[in-house]
Protein backbone atom coordinates (compact mmCIF):
# COMPACT_ATOMS: atom_id res chain seq x y z
CA MET A 1 -47.55 -29.06 -23.71
CA ASN A 2 -50.22 -30.77 -26.09
CA ILE A 3 -52.96 -28.76 -28.06
CA GLU A 4 -55.66 -29.46 -25.61
CA GLU A 5 -53.46 -28.03 -22.85
CA MET A 6 -52.43 -24.96 -24.93
CA LEU A 7 -56.15 -23.96 -25.77
CA ILE A 8 -56.72 -24.45 -21.93
CA ASN A 9 -53.83 -22.43 -20.91
CA VAL A 10 -54.40 -19.52 -23.57
CA THR A 11 -58.41 -19.35 -22.39
CA ALA A 12 -57.10 -19.09 -18.87
CA VAL A 13 -54.91 -16.46 -19.82
CA SER A 14 -57.50 -14.93 -21.96
CA GLU A 15 -59.82 -14.93 -18.89
CA LYS A 16 -57.61 -13.37 -16.74
CA TYR A 17 -56.76 -10.26 -18.75
CA ASP A 18 -60.87 -9.90 -19.23
CA LEU A 19 -61.40 -10.09 -15.71
CA ILE A 20 -58.67 -7.40 -15.17
CA ASN A 21 -60.12 -5.36 -17.67
CA GLN A 22 -63.58 -5.57 -16.29
CA LYS A 23 -62.01 -4.44 -12.86
CA THR A 24 -59.82 -1.36 -14.18
CA GLY A 25 -62.37 -0.37 -16.24
CA ALA A 26 -60.20 -0.75 -19.24
CA CYS A 27 -63.56 -2.47 -21.01
CA PHE A 28 -65.37 1.22 -20.63
CA ASN A 29 -64.23 2.48 -23.97
CA ILE A 30 -66.13 5.65 -25.31
CA PHE A 31 -64.85 5.09 -28.79
CA ASN A 32 -66.81 1.79 -28.87
CA ILE A 33 -69.54 2.93 -26.92
CA MET A 34 -70.24 5.61 -29.24
CA ASP A 35 -69.80 3.54 -32.18
CA VAL A 36 -66.80 5.34 -33.37
CA SER A 37 -64.38 2.55 -34.47
CA THR A 38 -66.43 2.19 -37.75
CA ASN A 39 -66.91 5.62 -38.26
CA GLU A 40 -64.07 7.21 -40.69
CA VAL A 41 -65.39 10.87 -40.36
CA LYS A 42 -65.51 10.87 -36.14
CA ILE A 43 -61.86 8.96 -36.30
CA CYS A 44 -60.49 11.76 -39.08
CA GLN A 45 -61.88 14.77 -36.70
CA LEU A 46 -59.57 13.14 -33.74
CA ILE A 47 -56.57 12.64 -35.85
CA TYR A 48 -57.11 15.92 -37.18
CA ASP A 49 -57.30 17.79 -33.69
CA LEU A 50 -53.95 16.03 -32.78
CA LEU A 51 -52.25 16.85 -35.72
CA ASN A 52 -53.38 20.21 -36.01
CA PRO A 53 -51.19 22.95 -34.03
CA TYR A 54 -54.12 24.86 -32.94
CA GLY A 55 -55.92 21.74 -31.70
CA SER A 56 -57.40 21.56 -28.37
CA HIS A 57 -54.70 19.99 -27.06
CA TYR A 58 -52.62 23.34 -26.84
CA GLN A 59 -49.42 21.44 -27.72
CA GLY A 60 -48.59 23.25 -30.69
CA ASN A 61 -46.52 21.10 -33.20
CA SER A 62 -45.61 18.01 -30.65
CA TYR A 63 -48.01 15.35 -32.20
CA LEU A 64 -47.82 17.05 -35.71
CA LYS A 65 -43.78 16.20 -35.68
CA LEU A 66 -44.19 12.62 -34.72
CA PHE A 67 -46.84 12.02 -37.64
CA ILE A 68 -44.91 13.69 -39.86
CA GLU A 69 -41.27 12.07 -39.10
CA HIS A 70 -42.56 8.56 -38.49
CA VAL A 71 -45.78 7.75 -39.95
CA LEU A 72 -45.21 9.91 -43.26
CA GLY A 73 -41.20 9.34 -43.05
CA ILE A 74 -40.66 12.96 -44.33
CA ASP A 75 -37.34 14.89 -42.78
CA ASN A 76 -36.52 18.28 -42.82
CA PHE A 77 -40.30 19.31 -42.87
CA ASN A 78 -40.61 23.31 -42.59
CA TYR A 79 -43.07 23.96 -39.68
CA ASN A 80 -43.39 27.57 -40.43
CA GLY A 81 -47.04 28.42 -41.39
CA VAL A 82 -47.74 24.81 -41.53
CA ARG A 83 -51.59 24.31 -41.45
CA VAL A 84 -53.77 21.12 -41.44
CA PHE A 85 -57.20 20.72 -42.84
CA ARG A 86 -59.82 18.09 -42.71
CA GLU A 87 -62.64 17.58 -45.76
CA TYR A 88 -60.29 19.77 -48.10
CA LEU A 89 -62.48 20.73 -50.85
CA THR A 90 -60.82 20.28 -54.44
CA SER A 91 -61.00 21.76 -57.47
CA GLN A 92 -62.81 18.46 -58.78
CA ASN A 93 -65.24 19.08 -55.63
CA ARG A 94 -64.02 16.25 -54.02
CA ARG A 95 -63.30 16.34 -50.11
CA ILE A 96 -59.64 14.71 -48.96
CA ASP A 97 -59.81 13.75 -45.38
CA LEU A 98 -56.75 15.12 -44.23
CA VAL A 99 -54.10 17.66 -45.91
CA ILE A 100 -50.99 18.88 -44.35
CA GLU A 101 -49.63 21.69 -46.19
CA ASN A 102 -46.68 24.60 -45.70
CA SER A 103 -45.48 27.21 -48.37
CA THR A 104 -43.75 24.26 -50.36
CA ILE A 105 -45.41 21.22 -49.72
CA THR A 106 -48.97 19.71 -49.84
CA ILE A 107 -49.93 16.46 -48.58
CA PRO A 108 -52.98 14.78 -49.33
CA ILE A 109 -54.04 11.85 -46.93
CA GLU A 110 -56.94 9.55 -47.61
CA VAL A 111 -58.25 7.45 -45.02
CA LYS A 112 -60.22 4.11 -45.82
CA ILE A 113 -61.47 1.96 -42.73
CA TYR A 114 -64.43 0.19 -44.50
CA ALA A 115 -65.39 2.55 -47.46
CA ASP A 116 -64.57 1.59 -51.01
CA ASP A 117 -62.64 3.35 -53.27
CA GLN A 118 -64.31 5.79 -55.60
CA VAL A 119 -63.36 6.41 -59.48
CA ASN A 120 -60.36 8.57 -59.88
CA GLN A 121 -60.26 9.53 -56.42
CA LEU A 122 -56.59 9.41 -55.71
CA ASN A 123 -55.74 10.37 -59.03
CA ASP A 124 -57.55 13.38 -58.62
CA TYR A 125 -55.99 13.96 -55.04
CA PHE A 126 -52.39 13.59 -56.60
CA LYS A 127 -53.05 16.84 -59.07
CA MET A 128 -53.13 18.99 -55.86
CA ALA A 129 -50.54 17.33 -54.14
CA ARG A 130 -47.05 19.44 -54.01
CA GLY A 131 -43.59 17.99 -53.24
CA ALA A 132 -45.07 14.57 -51.66
CA ASN A 133 -47.15 11.45 -52.33
CA VAL A 134 -50.42 10.93 -51.70
CA PHE A 135 -50.71 8.70 -48.72
CA TYR A 136 -53.82 6.17 -48.47
CA LEU A 137 -54.31 4.94 -44.74
CA THR A 138 -56.29 1.87 -44.28
CA LEU A 139 -56.69 -0.65 -41.49
CA PHE A 140 -54.53 -3.04 -42.73
CA GLU A 141 -51.77 -2.46 -45.78
CA ARG A 142 -53.70 -2.96 -49.15
CA GLU A 143 -53.52 -1.57 -52.36
CA PRO A 144 -55.90 1.06 -53.67
CA ASP A 145 -58.65 0.19 -56.40
CA LYS A 146 -57.20 0.48 -59.66
CA LYS A 147 -60.22 2.47 -60.70
CA SER A 148 -59.30 4.96 -57.91
CA CYS A 149 -55.80 5.41 -59.23
CA GLY A 150 -56.89 6.17 -62.67
CA THR A 151 -53.70 7.04 -64.89
CA MET A 152 -51.59 8.20 -62.09
CA ASN A 153 -48.12 6.32 -61.55
CA THR A 154 -49.09 4.15 -58.17
CA ASN A 155 -45.23 4.96 -56.94
CA LYS A 156 -46.80 8.08 -56.24
CA ILE A 157 -49.00 6.46 -53.39
CA THR A 158 -47.80 5.70 -50.22
CA ASN A 159 -49.68 2.84 -48.00
CA ILE A 160 -50.01 3.76 -44.42
CA THR A 161 -51.89 1.70 -41.71
CA PHE A 162 -53.61 2.01 -38.76
CA GLU A 163 -51.97 -1.54 -37.73
CA ASN A 164 -48.47 -0.46 -37.90
CA ASP A 165 -48.06 3.21 -38.27
CA ILE A 166 -50.79 5.13 -36.28
CA VAL A 167 -50.49 2.56 -33.28
CA LYS A 168 -46.76 3.29 -33.05
CA TRP A 169 -47.37 7.11 -33.74
CA ILE A 170 -49.56 6.92 -30.58
CA ASP A 171 -47.36 5.14 -28.48
CA ARG A 172 -45.02 7.76 -29.33
CA CYS A 173 -47.52 10.68 -28.57
CA LEU A 174 -48.23 8.77 -25.12
CA GLN A 175 -44.35 8.42 -24.54
CA LEU A 176 -44.32 12.72 -24.19
CA ARG A 177 -43.77 14.09 -20.97
CA GLU A 178 -46.68 16.68 -21.71
CA THR A 179 -49.00 13.60 -22.59
CA ILE A 180 -48.22 11.77 -19.29
CA THR A 181 -48.76 14.65 -16.99
CA ILE A 182 -52.22 15.84 -18.88
CA ALA A 183 -54.55 13.11 -17.87
CA PRO A 184 -57.70 14.03 -20.30
CA ILE A 185 -55.10 13.77 -23.32
CA ARG A 186 -53.43 10.73 -22.04
CA GLU A 187 -56.67 8.60 -21.46
CA VAL A 188 -58.01 9.56 -25.16
CA LEU A 189 -54.91 8.60 -26.60
CA LEU A 190 -54.96 4.99 -24.60
CA GLN A 191 -58.93 4.54 -25.38
CA PHE A 192 -57.74 5.52 -29.24
CA ARG A 193 -55.05 3.23 -29.29
CA MET A 194 -57.22 0.24 -27.58
CA MET A 195 -59.70 0.56 -30.08
CA ILE A 196 -57.13 0.34 -32.76
CA ARG A 197 -55.78 -2.47 -31.45
CA THR A 198 -59.40 -4.08 -31.31
CA LEU A 199 -59.90 -3.29 -35.08
CA THR A 200 -56.95 -4.99 -36.34
CA ASN A 201 -56.91 -7.91 -33.82
CA GLN A 202 -54.09 -7.07 -31.92
CA MET A 203 -53.90 -8.26 -27.81
CA GLY A 204 -52.97 -5.93 -25.45
CA ASP A 205 -49.15 -6.03 -24.09
CA GLU A 206 -49.14 -7.87 -21.03
CA LYS A 207 -51.54 -10.52 -22.36
CA GLU A 208 -49.41 -10.71 -25.72
CA VAL A 209 -46.35 -11.33 -23.58
CA GLU A 210 -48.07 -14.16 -21.41
CA VAL A 211 -49.09 -15.95 -24.32
CA LYS A 212 -45.63 -15.70 -26.21
CA GLU A 213 -44.26 -17.19 -23.03
CA LEU A 214 -46.84 -20.28 -23.12
CA ILE A 215 -46.31 -20.68 -26.93
CA SER A 216 -42.14 -20.61 -26.79
CA LYS A 217 -42.19 -22.50 -23.36
CA ASN A 218 -40.66 -25.68 -25.22
CA SER A 219 -40.77 -27.25 -28.54
CA GLU A 220 -43.88 -29.45 -27.81
CA SER A 221 -45.76 -26.15 -26.98
CA PHE A 222 -44.46 -24.48 -30.08
CA LYS A 223 -45.69 -27.49 -32.26
CA SER A 224 -48.92 -27.27 -30.70
CA ALA A 225 -49.26 -23.50 -31.19
CA VAL A 226 -48.31 -24.16 -35.35
CA ALA A 227 -50.79 -26.53 -35.53
CA ILE A 228 -53.57 -24.13 -34.15
CA GLU A 229 -52.46 -21.52 -36.43
CA GLN A 230 -52.69 -23.94 -39.50
CA SER A 231 -56.47 -24.89 -38.59
CA LEU A 232 -57.50 -21.55 -37.28
CA LYS A 233 -57.79 -20.03 -41.06
CA GLN A 234 -59.99 -22.96 -42.07
CA CYS A 235 -62.26 -22.61 -39.04
CA LYS A 236 -63.00 -19.14 -39.90
CA ILE A 237 -63.66 -20.25 -43.45
CA ASP A 238 -66.02 -23.10 -41.94
CA MET A 239 -67.93 -20.61 -40.19
CA MET A 240 -68.50 -18.26 -42.90
CA TYR A 241 -69.75 -21.12 -44.92
CA LYS A 242 -71.84 -22.05 -42.34
CA LEU A 243 -73.19 -18.90 -42.01
CA PHE A 244 -74.47 -18.31 -45.76
CA THR A 245 -75.37 -22.04 -46.17
CA THR A 246 -77.70 -22.31 -43.41
CA LEU A 247 -79.40 -18.72 -44.50
CA GLU A 248 -79.71 -20.47 -48.01
CA LYS A 249 -81.20 -23.50 -46.54
CA MET A 250 -83.73 -21.70 -44.23
CA LEU A 251 -84.70 -19.14 -47.03
CA SER A 252 -85.19 -22.09 -49.27
CA LEU A 253 -87.59 -23.62 -46.99
CA ARG A 254 -89.85 -20.59 -46.98
CA GLY A 255 -90.09 -20.55 -50.70
CA TYR A 256 -87.07 -18.06 -51.46
CA ASN A 257 -84.22 -19.24 -53.77
CA LYS A 258 -80.80 -17.18 -54.34
CA ILE A 259 -80.00 -15.83 -57.45
CA ASP A 260 -76.19 -15.87 -58.56
CA VAL A 261 -74.80 -12.33 -58.27
CA TYR A 262 -71.26 -12.33 -57.23
CA ASP A 263 -71.82 -15.21 -54.80
CA TYR A 264 -70.50 -16.59 -51.51
CA SER A 265 -69.95 -19.95 -53.14
CA ASN A 266 -67.68 -18.42 -56.16
CA GLY A 267 -64.42 -18.86 -54.11
CA ASN A 268 -64.95 -15.41 -52.26
CA VAL A 269 -65.06 -17.33 -48.82
CA GLU A 270 -61.38 -19.05 -49.19
CA LYS A 271 -60.06 -15.65 -50.55
CA TYR A 272 -61.33 -13.50 -47.83
CA TYR A 273 -58.65 -14.48 -45.07
CA ASN A 274 -55.96 -14.27 -48.12
CA ILE A 275 -55.98 -10.90 -48.54
CA LYS A 276 -55.94 -7.74 -46.06
CA GLY A 277 -59.00 -6.02 -47.78
CA THR A 278 -62.15 -8.16 -48.43
CA THR A 279 -63.80 -10.02 -51.10
CA TYR A 280 -67.30 -9.31 -50.29
CA PRO A 281 -68.99 -12.84 -49.68
CA ALA A 282 -72.63 -12.43 -50.10
CA LEU A 283 -75.91 -14.40 -51.01
CA SER A 284 -78.42 -12.57 -53.03
CA TYR A 285 -82.18 -12.61 -53.89
CA LEU A 286 -84.67 -11.25 -56.58
CA TYR A 287 -86.82 -8.37 -55.21
CA LYS A 288 -88.05 -6.64 -58.64
CA LYS A 289 -87.18 -7.72 -62.14
CA ASP A 290 -86.31 -5.22 -64.97
CA VAL A 291 -87.14 -2.22 -63.10
CA LYS A 292 -85.44 -0.63 -66.08
CA PRO A 293 -83.76 -2.66 -69.17
CA ALA A 294 -81.84 -5.43 -67.66
CA VAL A 295 -81.46 -3.56 -63.98
CA ASP A 296 -82.88 -5.53 -61.07
CA ILE A 297 -83.20 -4.86 -57.21
CA ILE A 298 -82.31 -7.60 -55.04
CA LEU A 299 -81.92 -8.14 -51.52
CA ARG A 300 -78.30 -9.20 -50.35
CA PHE A 301 -76.73 -10.34 -47.51
CA GLU A 302 -73.08 -9.74 -47.76
CA ILE A 303 -69.74 -9.42 -45.54
CA GLU A 304 -67.30 -6.61 -46.10
CA TYR A 305 -66.29 -7.10 -42.17
CA ASP A 306 -69.55 -6.61 -40.62
CA PHE A 307 -72.64 -8.66 -41.67
CA CYS A 308 -74.69 -6.77 -43.56
CA LEU A 309 -77.94 -6.89 -45.24
CA GLY A 310 -79.49 -4.68 -48.11
CA PHE A 311 -80.87 -3.74 -51.58
CA CYS A 312 -78.75 -3.37 -54.66
CA SER A 313 -79.30 -2.55 -58.39
CA PRO A 314 -76.98 -4.69 -60.43
CA ILE A 315 -77.32 -4.67 -64.08
CA ASN A 316 -77.29 -7.96 -65.92
CA HIS A 317 -76.47 -9.87 -62.54
CA THR A 318 -73.19 -7.61 -62.57
CA CYS A 319 -72.31 -4.56 -59.99
CA ALA A 320 -71.89 -1.61 -62.39
CA GLY A 321 -72.24 1.30 -59.95
CA GLU A 322 -75.23 3.30 -59.87
CA GLN A 323 -77.85 2.38 -62.11
CA LEU A 324 -81.29 4.06 -60.61
CA THR A 325 -81.97 7.73 -59.66
CA MET A 326 -83.00 8.72 -55.94
CA ASP A 327 -86.69 8.82 -57.27
CA GLU A 328 -86.56 5.63 -58.83
CA ILE A 329 -85.16 4.20 -55.71
CA ARG A 330 -88.12 5.67 -53.42
CA ASN A 331 -90.71 4.27 -55.89
CA ASN A 332 -89.21 0.92 -55.82
CA LEU A 333 -88.78 0.15 -52.19
CA THR A 334 -91.61 1.79 -50.58
CA ASN A 335 -91.27 -0.57 -47.56
CA ILE A 336 -88.35 1.63 -46.29
CA ASP A 337 -87.81 4.67 -44.63
CA SER A 338 -86.86 7.23 -47.11
CA ASN A 339 -84.52 8.96 -44.78
CA GLY A 340 -82.63 5.64 -44.71
CA LEU A 341 -82.43 5.31 -48.75
CA LYS A 342 -79.31 6.55 -50.55
CA ILE A 343 -77.09 6.16 -53.46
CA ASP A 344 -73.70 4.43 -52.86
CA GLY A 345 -72.92 2.88 -56.22
CA TRP A 346 -75.12 -0.09 -56.30
CA TRP A 347 -76.30 0.02 -52.91
CA MET A 348 -79.67 2.05 -52.20
CA TYR A 349 -80.29 0.68 -48.67
CA ILE A 350 -77.91 -1.24 -46.16
CA GLU A 351 -78.35 -2.17 -42.38
CA GLU A 352 -76.23 -3.93 -40.21
CA LEU A 353 -77.65 -7.27 -38.62
CA LEU A 354 -77.03 -7.48 -34.85
CA LEU A 355 -76.35 -10.10 -32.50
CA GLU A 356 -76.80 -9.10 -29.01
CA ASN A 357 -76.66 -5.13 -30.34
CA GLU A 358 -73.51 -6.06 -32.19
CA SER A 359 -72.63 -7.24 -35.96
CA PRO A 360 -70.47 -9.89 -36.23
CA ASN A 361 -67.14 -8.57 -37.71
CA PHE A 362 -65.33 -11.31 -39.66
CA ASN A 363 -62.30 -9.06 -40.05
CA ALA A 364 -61.56 -7.62 -36.62
CA HIS A 365 -63.35 -10.81 -34.48
CA ASN A 366 -65.41 -9.00 -32.22
CA GLU A 367 -67.09 -10.51 -29.24
CA ALA A 368 -70.36 -10.95 -31.64
CA TYR A 369 -68.50 -12.96 -33.98
CA TYR A 370 -67.01 -15.16 -31.31
CA LYS A 371 -70.59 -15.81 -30.13
CA LEU A 372 -71.41 -17.48 -33.53
CA PHE A 373 -69.34 -20.29 -32.40
CA ASP A 374 -71.79 -20.98 -29.28
CA GLU A 375 -74.84 -22.87 -31.14
CA HIS A 376 -77.63 -21.22 -29.34
CA HIS A 377 -76.55 -17.85 -30.30
CA PHE A 378 -75.89 -18.88 -33.84
CA ASN A 379 -79.44 -20.20 -34.41
CA SER A 380 -80.74 -16.91 -32.74
CA PHE A 381 -78.80 -14.93 -35.21
CA ILE A 382 -79.85 -17.19 -38.13
CA GLU A 383 -83.56 -16.83 -37.28
CA ASN A 384 -83.22 -13.13 -36.64
CA CYS A 385 -81.48 -12.97 -40.25
CA VAL A 386 -84.31 -14.80 -42.01
CA GLU A 387 -87.09 -12.88 -40.16
CA ARG A 388 -85.66 -9.47 -41.15
CA ALA A 389 -85.14 -10.65 -45.00
CA ILE A 390 -88.54 -12.26 -45.18
CA GLU A 391 -89.90 -8.81 -43.83
CA LEU A 392 -87.98 -6.77 -46.39
CA LEU A 393 -88.67 -9.03 -49.56
CA LYS A 394 -92.34 -8.71 -48.91
């Protein structure tokens, strides 16, 4: 099977399962509808309720035991008097996403989906851990930022992932007789698993089996699949470059010239698909200069995972965290509703740029991302991004 035939056949399989999902209601996912998939707080709430022996599922320790044994890898855990906490307040006035403890062990779990690590965050969490490591839960396996670890021994951090550990934990939860026979719990877990698989670029079981059968049909089919794999990453790189260079050209024609602040052209696009995290490729424009000594305000397009636009405050054209107070931000960004302003490192305001009500995700490759490969969708998206940037720059 040559490359063209392979693509045609895989497309046919994909379309078939899209149709099945539409007919069976599998596309109806409450987590996606309510935009929970990018909300760490909401996801932690669900995991917390499942882990909590007194959660609304009324299944006692069933889900907690599977989590401790198969996700955390802890044997001989004493479940007498076990407690689970969410937003656990530390003596350093930090809030840990999840904590599990009994009389002899305290296990902090930090959940990172899209948020950045904070200075000394994991270091502070480890200070209150007893008899256990700090667990660092991310979409894909990645190391925490050094600034978060501080002076702690990184051997005391255990990486766990939604991609593997949480999906397998949910699979085990779904195999319990109690889960199988209680429809509301079963359906929530099935939808939760589907959401995670979407976030981590995993196909459904049946679809994956059928695609693998196509690839493994004979040596020619496998060669074609390898050739596609080798070209796929470059296609994704090319799309990211196309997006940034087209935006830069269109804004230049309107009289706006970019400035170099951790730019997309500095190798960040090529590196983006070589790591599990993100390199934050971006395109920046000066909004106000020297609002404080050496501190500017810039308008910045940036890809963490979704495509976003917002205002930042670099010092000497570098990211060095918070530079302006909230009062200074309000005084300088008078064209933004003050309710949308914030202090988050160097960010003061940020919004997602949407293509038909969804922001293209360059990591999870959602439907909005796929549409960028259709020329009319791409051009419409660029036009909307340019107009929104000019509106903010004014």
